[in-house]
Amino acid sequence: MSKVELTDFQKQFFAQGTGQQLFTSKEFEERLAQAKAEIMAVAIQTTKQAILIERQACAEMAYAYEAKLAGKEDDENFNSPLANDILNRIPTQRQ
């Protein structure tokens, strides 16, 4: 992280404040930790969703390729083992 230069107004404001203590240093640290945890939880969930979307797209491509090779592009009952393996690689992630 790079340092940000404060303006004279900001320096004066932080030095004098508003005369009221909004929260203690401990409260600030606790809330900061909570915010970081929430951000990480959202980031993890978003990453999981992105992986599932990508896996679904890969499975669809594998299905189309295998169906084309088998000459069954129009067969709705065609079963693609490769596409199934891609989708079910880590079953717990699909729940």
N, C-alpha and C. Protein backbone atom coordinates (compact mmCIF):
# COMPACT_ATOMS: atom_id res chain seq x y z
N MET A 1 0.83 -1.17 0.00
CA MET A 1 0.00 0.00 0.00
C MET A 1 0.88 1.24 0.00
N SER A 2 0.52 2.20 -0.80
CA SER A 2 1.31 3.43 -0.84
C SER A 2 0.75 4.43 0.17
N LYS A 3 1.64 5.31 0.59
CA LYS A 3 1.22 6.34 1.54
C LYS A 3 0.49 7.45 0.80
N VAL A 4 -0.52 7.98 1.43
CA VAL A 4 -1.30 9.07 0.85
C VAL A 4 -0.96 10.34 1.62
N GLU A 5 -0.63 11.38 0.90
CA GLU A 5 -0.34 12.68 1.52
C GLU A 5 -1.65 13.34 1.92
N LEU A 6 -1.70 13.82 3.14
CA LEU A 6 -2.90 14.51 3.62
C LEU A 6 -2.78 16.00 3.33
N THR A 7 -3.92 16.59 3.06
CA THR A 7 -3.94 18.04 2.87
C THR A 7 -3.83 18.70 4.24
N ASP A 8 -3.56 19.99 4.24
CA ASP A 8 -3.47 20.72 5.51
C ASP A 8 -4.78 20.65 6.28
N PHE A 9 -5.91 20.73 5.54
CA PHE A 9 -7.21 20.65 6.19
C PHE A 9 -7.38 19.29 6.87
N GLN A 10 -7.01 18.22 6.16
CA GLN A 10 -7.15 16.88 6.73
C GLN A 10 -6.27 16.71 7.96
N LYS A 11 -5.04 17.21 7.88
CA LYS A 11 -4.14 17.12 9.03
C LYS A 11 -4.72 17.86 10.23
N GLN A 12 -5.25 19.05 9.98
CA GLN A 12 -5.83 19.83 11.07
C GLN A 12 -7.07 19.14 11.64
N PHE A 13 -7.91 18.61 10.75
CA PHE A 13 -9.13 17.93 11.18
C PHE A 13 -8.80 16.73 12.05
N PHE A 14 -7.84 15.92 11.60
CA PHE A 14 -7.47 14.73 12.37
C PHE A 14 -6.79 15.10 13.69
N ALA A 15 -6.05 16.18 13.68
CA ALA A 15 -5.36 16.61 14.90
C ALA A 15 -6.37 17.13 15.92
N GLN A 16 -7.33 17.94 15.47
CA GLN A 16 -8.31 18.54 16.38
C GLN A 16 -9.54 17.66 16.55
N GLY A 17 -9.93 17.02 15.47
CA GLY A 17 -11.13 16.19 15.52
C GLY A 17 -12.38 17.04 15.66
N THR A 18 -13.43 16.40 16.08
CA THR A 18 -14.70 17.11 16.26
C THR A 18 -14.96 17.36 17.73
N GLY A 19 -14.04 16.96 18.56
CA GLY A 19 -14.25 17.13 20.00
C GLY A 19 -14.98 15.96 20.60
N GLN A 20 -15.42 15.03 19.77
CA GLN A 20 -16.14 13.85 20.26
C GLN A 20 -15.37 12.61 19.86
N GLN A 21 -15.29 11.67 20.76
CA GLN A 21 -14.66 10.40 20.42
C GLN A 21 -15.76 9.49 19.90
N LEU A 22 -15.65 9.11 18.64
CA LEU A 22 -16.69 8.30 18.02
C LEU A 22 -16.60 6.84 18.46
N PHE A 23 -15.38 6.35 18.59
CA PHE A 23 -15.18 4.98 19.05
C PHE A 23 -13.74 4.84 19.51
N THR A 24 -13.51 3.81 20.30
CA THR A 24 -12.16 3.59 20.81
C THR A 24 -11.32 2.87 19.78
N SER A 25 -10.04 2.85 20.02
CA SER A 25 -9.13 2.15 19.12
C SER A 25 -9.48 0.67 19.05
N LYS A 26 -9.84 0.10 20.19
CA LYS A 26 -10.21 -1.33 20.22
C LYS A 26 -11.46 -1.58 19.39
N GLU A 27 -12.45 -0.72 19.54
CA GLU A 27 -13.69 -0.86 18.76
C GLU A 27 -13.39 -0.74 17.26
N PHE A 28 -12.52 0.20 16.92
CA PHE A 28 -12.15 0.38 15.53
C PHE A 28 -11.50 -0.88 14.98
N GLU A 29 -10.56 -1.44 15.71
CA GLU A 29 -9.86 -2.65 15.28
C GLU A 29 -10.82 -3.82 15.14
N GLU A 30 -11.76 -3.94 16.08
CA GLU A 30 -12.75 -5.03 16.00
C GLU A 30 -13.62 -4.89 14.76
N ARG A 31 -14.09 -3.67 14.52
CA ARG A 31 -14.96 -3.46 13.35
C ARG A 31 -14.17 -3.62 12.04
N LEU A 32 -12.93 -3.20 12.06
CA LEU A 32 -12.08 -3.37 10.88
C LEU A 32 -11.88 -4.85 10.58
N ALA A 33 -11.62 -5.64 11.61
CA ALA A 33 -11.45 -7.08 11.44
C ALA A 33 -12.74 -7.71 10.91
N GLN A 34 -13.87 -7.26 11.42
CA GLN A 34 -15.16 -7.78 10.97
C GLN A 34 -15.39 -7.43 9.49
N ALA A 35 -15.08 -6.21 9.12
CA ALA A 35 -15.25 -5.79 7.73
C ALA A 35 -14.35 -6.60 6.80
N LYS A 36 -13.11 -6.83 7.23
CA LYS A 36 -12.19 -7.63 6.41
C LYS A 36 -12.72 -9.05 6.24
N ALA A 37 -13.26 -9.62 7.30
CA ALA A 37 -13.80 -10.97 7.24
C ALA A 37 -14.99 -11.03 6.27
N GLU A 38 -15.84 -10.02 6.31
CA GLU A 38 -16.99 -9.97 5.41
C GLU A 38 -16.54 -9.83 3.96
N ILE A 39 -15.54 -9.00 3.73
CA ILE A 39 -15.01 -8.83 2.37
C ILE A 39 -14.44 -10.15 1.87
N MET A 40 -13.69 -10.84 2.71
CA MET A 40 -13.11 -12.13 2.32
C MET A 40 -14.20 -13.16 2.03
N ALA A 41 -15.25 -13.18 2.83
CA ALA A 41 -16.34 -14.13 2.61
C ALA A 41 -17.00 -13.88 1.25
N VAL A 42 -17.22 -12.62 0.92
CA VAL A 42 -17.82 -12.29 -0.38
C VAL A 42 -16.87 -12.67 -1.50
N ALA A 43 -15.58 -12.40 -1.33
CA ALA A 43 -14.59 -12.73 -2.36
C ALA A 43 -14.53 -14.24 -2.59
N ILE A 44 -14.57 -15.01 -1.52
CA ILE A 44 -14.53 -16.47 -1.65
C ILE A 44 -15.77 -16.98 -2.35
N GLN A 45 -16.94 -16.49 -1.96
CA GLN A 45 -18.18 -16.93 -2.59
C GLN A 45 -18.21 -16.55 -4.07
N THR A 46 -17.75 -15.36 -4.39
CA THR A 46 -17.73 -14.91 -5.79
C THR A 46 -16.79 -15.77 -6.61
N THR A 47 -15.65 -16.12 -6.05
CA THR A 47 -14.69 -16.97 -6.75
C THR A 47 -15.28 -18.36 -7.00
N LYS A 48 -15.96 -18.91 -6.00
CA LYS A 48 -16.60 -20.22 -6.17
C LYS A 48 -17.64 -20.18 -7.29
N GLN A 49 -18.43 -19.12 -7.33
CA GLN A 49 -19.44 -18.99 -8.38
C GLN A 49 -18.79 -18.87 -9.75
N ALA A 50 -17.71 -18.13 -9.85
CA ALA A 50 -17.01 -17.98 -11.12
C ALA A 50 -16.46 -19.32 -11.60
N ILE A 51 -15.92 -20.11 -10.68
CA ILE A 51 -15.40 -21.43 -11.04
C ILE A 51 -16.52 -22.34 -11.53
N LEU A 52 -17.67 -22.29 -10.86
CA LEU A 52 -18.80 -23.12 -11.29
C LEU A 52 -19.31 -22.71 -12.67
N ILE A 53 -19.35 -21.42 -12.93
CA ILE A 53 -19.79 -20.93 -14.25
C ILE A 53 -18.82 -21.41 -15.33
N GLU A 54 -17.53 -21.31 -15.05
CA GLU A 54 -16.52 -21.74 -16.01
C GLU A 54 -16.58 -23.25 -16.23
N ARG A 55 -16.79 -24.00 -15.15
CA ARG A 55 -16.90 -25.46 -15.27
C ARG A 55 -18.12 -25.84 -16.10
N GLN A 56 -19.23 -25.13 -15.90
CA GLN A 56 -20.44 -25.40 -16.68
C GLN A 56 -20.18 -25.15 -18.16
N ALA A 57 -19.50 -24.06 -18.48
CA ALA A 57 -19.19 -23.74 -19.87
C ALA A 57 -18.28 -24.80 -20.49
N CYS A 58 -17.30 -25.27 -19.74
CA CYS A 58 -16.41 -26.32 -20.23
C CYS A 58 -17.18 -27.61 -20.48
N ALA A 59 -18.07 -27.95 -19.58
CA ALA A 59 -18.87 -29.16 -19.74
C ALA A 59 -19.77 -29.06 -20.97
N GLU A 60 -20.33 -27.90 -21.22
CA GLU A 60 -21.17 -27.72 -22.41
C GLU A 60 -20.34 -27.87 -23.68
N MET A 61 -19.13 -27.34 -23.68
CA MET A 61 -18.26 -27.50 -24.85
C MET A 61 -17.88 -28.96 -25.05
N ALA A 62 -17.57 -29.67 -23.97
CA ALA A 62 -17.21 -31.08 -24.06
C ALA A 62 -18.39 -31.90 -24.57
N TYR A 63 -19.57 -31.58 -24.06
CA TYR A 63 -20.79 -32.28 -24.50
C TYR A 63 -21.00 -32.09 -26.01
N ALA A 64 -20.90 -30.86 -26.46
CA ALA A 64 -21.12 -30.57 -27.88
C ALA A 64 -20.08 -31.28 -28.74
N TYR A 65 -18.83 -31.29 -28.29
CA TYR A 65 -17.77 -31.93 -29.06
C TYR A 65 -17.98 -33.45 -29.12
N GLU A 66 -18.29 -34.06 -27.98
CA GLU A 66 -18.51 -35.51 -27.97
C GLU A 66 -19.74 -35.90 -28.79
N ALA A 67 -20.79 -35.12 -28.70
CA ALA A 67 -22.00 -35.40 -29.48
C ALA A 67 -21.71 -35.30 -30.97
N LYS A 68 -20.92 -34.31 -31.35
CA LYS A 68 -20.55 -34.15 -32.76
C LYS A 68 -19.72 -35.34 -33.23
N LEU A 69 -18.76 -35.77 -32.44
CA LEU A 69 -17.93 -36.92 -32.81
C LEU A 69 -18.76 -38.19 -32.94
N ALA A 70 -19.76 -38.32 -32.08
CA ALA A 70 -20.62 -39.51 -32.09
C ALA A 70 -21.72 -39.40 -33.13
N GLY A 71 -21.85 -38.22 -33.77
CA GLY A 71 -22.91 -38.01 -34.75
C GLY A 71 -24.29 -37.93 -34.12
N LYS A 72 -24.34 -37.51 -32.89
CA LYS A 72 -25.63 -37.44 -32.17
C LYS A 72 -25.90 -36.03 -31.67
N GLU A 73 -25.64 -35.06 -32.50
CA GLU A 73 -25.84 -33.66 -32.10
C GLU A 73 -27.30 -33.34 -31.79
N ASP A 74 -28.22 -34.03 -32.44
CA ASP A 74 -29.64 -33.77 -32.24
C ASP A 74 -30.29 -34.70 -31.22
N ASP A 75 -29.52 -35.62 -30.67
CA ASP A 75 -30.06 -36.61 -29.71
C ASP A 75 -30.06 -36.00 -28.31
N GLU A 76 -31.25 -35.72 -27.78
CA GLU A 76 -31.37 -35.12 -26.45
C GLU A 76 -30.98 -36.09 -25.34
N ASN A 77 -30.97 -37.39 -25.64
CA ASN A 77 -30.65 -38.40 -24.64
C ASN A 77 -29.17 -38.80 -24.65
N PHE A 78 -28.38 -38.11 -25.47
CA PHE A 78 -26.96 -38.43 -25.55
C PHE A 78 -26.29 -38.16 -24.20
N ASN A 79 -25.49 -39.12 -23.76
CA ASN A 79 -24.80 -38.99 -22.47
C ASN A 79 -23.31 -38.76 -22.74
N SER A 80 -22.77 -37.71 -22.18
CA SER A 80 -21.37 -37.37 -22.36
C SER A 80 -20.61 -37.64 -21.06
N PRO A 81 -19.84 -38.72 -21.02
CA PRO A 81 -19.08 -39.00 -19.80
C PRO A 81 -18.09 -37.89 -19.45
N LEU A 82 -17.46 -37.30 -20.45
CA LEU A 82 -16.51 -36.22 -20.19
C LEU A 82 -17.20 -35.02 -19.57
N ALA A 83 -18.34 -34.62 -20.13
CA ALA A 83 -19.08 -33.47 -19.58
C ALA A 83 -19.53 -33.76 -18.15
N ASN A 84 -19.99 -34.99 -17.91
CA ASN A 84 -20.41 -35.36 -16.55
C ASN A 84 -19.23 -35.32 -15.58
N ASP A 85 -18.08 -35.81 -16.05
CA ASP A 85 -16.89 -35.78 -15.18
C ASP A 85 -16.48 -34.35 -14.85
N ILE A 86 -16.57 -33.46 -15.83
CA ILE A 86 -16.22 -32.06 -15.58
C ILE A 86 -17.17 -31.45 -14.55
N LEU A 87 -18.46 -31.67 -14.74
CA LEU A 87 -19.45 -31.10 -13.82
C LEU A 87 -19.35 -31.66 -12.41
N ASN A 88 -19.03 -32.95 -12.32
CA ASN A 88 -19.05 -33.62 -11.02
C ASN A 88 -17.65 -33.82 -10.44
N ARG A 89 -16.69 -33.07 -10.91
CA ARG A 89 -15.32 -33.21 -10.44
C ARG A 89 -15.22 -33.05 -8.93
N ILE A 90 -15.88 -32.05 -8.42
CA ILE A 90 -15.93 -31.84 -6.97
C ILE A 90 -17.42 -31.64 -6.62
N PRO A 91 -18.13 -32.74 -6.36
CA PRO A 91 -19.59 -32.67 -6.16
C PRO A 91 -20.03 -31.70 -5.07
N THR A 92 -19.26 -31.58 -4.01
CA THR A 92 -19.68 -30.70 -2.92
C THR A 92 -19.76 -29.25 -3.34
N GLN A 93 -19.05 -28.88 -4.40
CA GLN A 93 -19.10 -27.50 -4.88
C GLN A 93 -20.38 -27.20 -5.64
N ARG A 94 -21.13 -28.22 -6.03
CA ARG A 94 -22.36 -28.00 -6.80
C ARG A 94 -23.57 -27.87 -5.90
N GLN A 95 -23.39 -27.95 -4.61
CA GLN A 95 -24.54 -27.88 -3.70
C GLN A 95 -24.90 -26.47 -3.39
